[in-house]
Protein backbone atom coordinates (compact mmCIF):
# COMPACT_ATOMS: atom_id res chain seq x y z
CA MET A 1 -0.01 -0.15 -0.31
CA SER A 2 1.37 3.34 -0.65
CA ASN A 3 1.76 6.18 1.99
CA GLU A 4 -1.53 8.19 1.33
CA VAL A 5 -3.64 4.66 1.88
CA GLU A 6 -2.43 4.45 4.75
CA ALA A 7 -2.63 7.51 6.45
CA ALA A 8 -6.08 7.88 5.15
CA ALA A 9 -6.79 4.49 6.70
CA GLY A 10 -5.29 5.56 9.97
CA LEU A 11 -7.42 9.00 9.91
CA ALA A 12 -10.50 7.04 9.41
CA LYS A 13 -9.43 4.95 12.28
CA ALA A 14 -8.81 7.74 14.42
CA ALA A 15 -11.85 9.57 14.05
CA PRO A 16 -14.36 8.19 15.93
CA PRO A 17 -12.10 8.61 19.17
CA LEU A 18 -10.93 12.01 18.17
CA ALA A 19 -14.49 13.27 17.64
CA VAL A 20 -15.67 12.27 20.96
CA THR A 21 -12.36 13.62 22.71
CA GLY A 22 -12.66 16.80 21.05
CA MET A 23 -16.27 17.06 22.10
CA THR A 24 -15.54 16.06 25.54
CA ILE A 25 -13.36 18.75 25.79
CA TYR A 26 -15.75 21.31 24.84
CA GLY A 27 -18.15 19.94 27.64
CA ILE A 28 -20.27 17.32 25.80
CA GLU A 29 -20.49 14.25 27.83
CA LEU A 30 -20.54 10.73 26.06
CA SER A 31 -23.29 10.05 27.49
CA ASP A 32 -24.93 13.37 25.70
CA ILE A 33 -22.89 12.31 22.31
CA VAL A 34 -24.84 9.11 22.04
CA LEU A 35 -27.86 10.39 22.83
CA ILE A 36 -27.32 13.20 19.84
CA VAL A 37 -26.42 10.58 17.53
CA THR A 38 -29.17 8.24 18.32
CA LEU A 39 -31.54 11.35 17.87
CA VAL A 40 -30.04 11.96 14.63
CA TYR A 41 -30.09 8.09 13.06
CA THR A 42 -34.02 8.07 14.63
CA VAL A 43 -34.86 10.98 12.26
CA LEU A 44 -32.96 9.80 9.12
CA GLN A 45 -34.46 6.75 9.58
CA VAL A 46 -37.92 8.22 9.47
CA ILE A 47 -37.39 10.68 6.91
CA LEU A 48 -36.48 7.75 4.49
CA LEU A 49 -38.95 5.69 5.16
CA ILE A 50 -41.89 8.05 4.95
CA PRO A 51 -41.73 8.11 1.27
CA ARG A 52 -42.26 3.83 1.32
CA TYR A 53 -44.82 4.23 3.57
CA TRP A 54 -46.91 6.65 1.44
CA GLN A 55 -46.31 4.50 -1.30
CA LEU A 56 -47.72 1.66 0.07
CA ILE A 57 -50.79 3.15 1.57
CA LYS A 58 -51.58 5.01 -2.13
CA ASN A 59 -51.00 1.69 -3.54
CA LEU A 60 -53.37 -0.14 -0.59
CA PHE A 61 -56.17 2.40 -1.29
CA LYS A 62 -56.31 1.68 -5.44
CA GLU A 63 -56.49 -1.66 -4.74
CA ILE A 64 -59.66 -1.05 -2.66
CA PRO A 65 -62.81 -0.90 -5.10
CA ASP A 66 -65.27 2.06 -4.70
CA VAL A 67 -68.33 0.95 -3.62
CA SER A 68 -71.25 3.04 -3.30
CA ILE A 69 -74.31 2.44 0.08
CA GLY A 70 -76.87 2.23 -2.28
CA ASP A 71 -75.48 -0.82 -4.82
CA THR A 72 -76.92 -3.92 -4.62
C-alpha cells in the first residue's frame, strides 16, 4: 500500500475517538454524544421510511374497489 492510503486508513480509524475527545473537551459528555447520534439516526430513518409507507398506503387504497352504499 502507498503511504497516502495508509495515512487515510489511519485517519479513518482515529476519527471517532478524536471526535469524542474533541466534544468532551468542549463540555459535551459521552452520554450526550450517544443521545445526539441516536436522535439523528432515528430522525433519518423516519425521513427515509416516510416515502416508502406513503407509496404503500396509496397502492392499498387503489386496490380497494369504490362501492357506494346504495349499490346491490
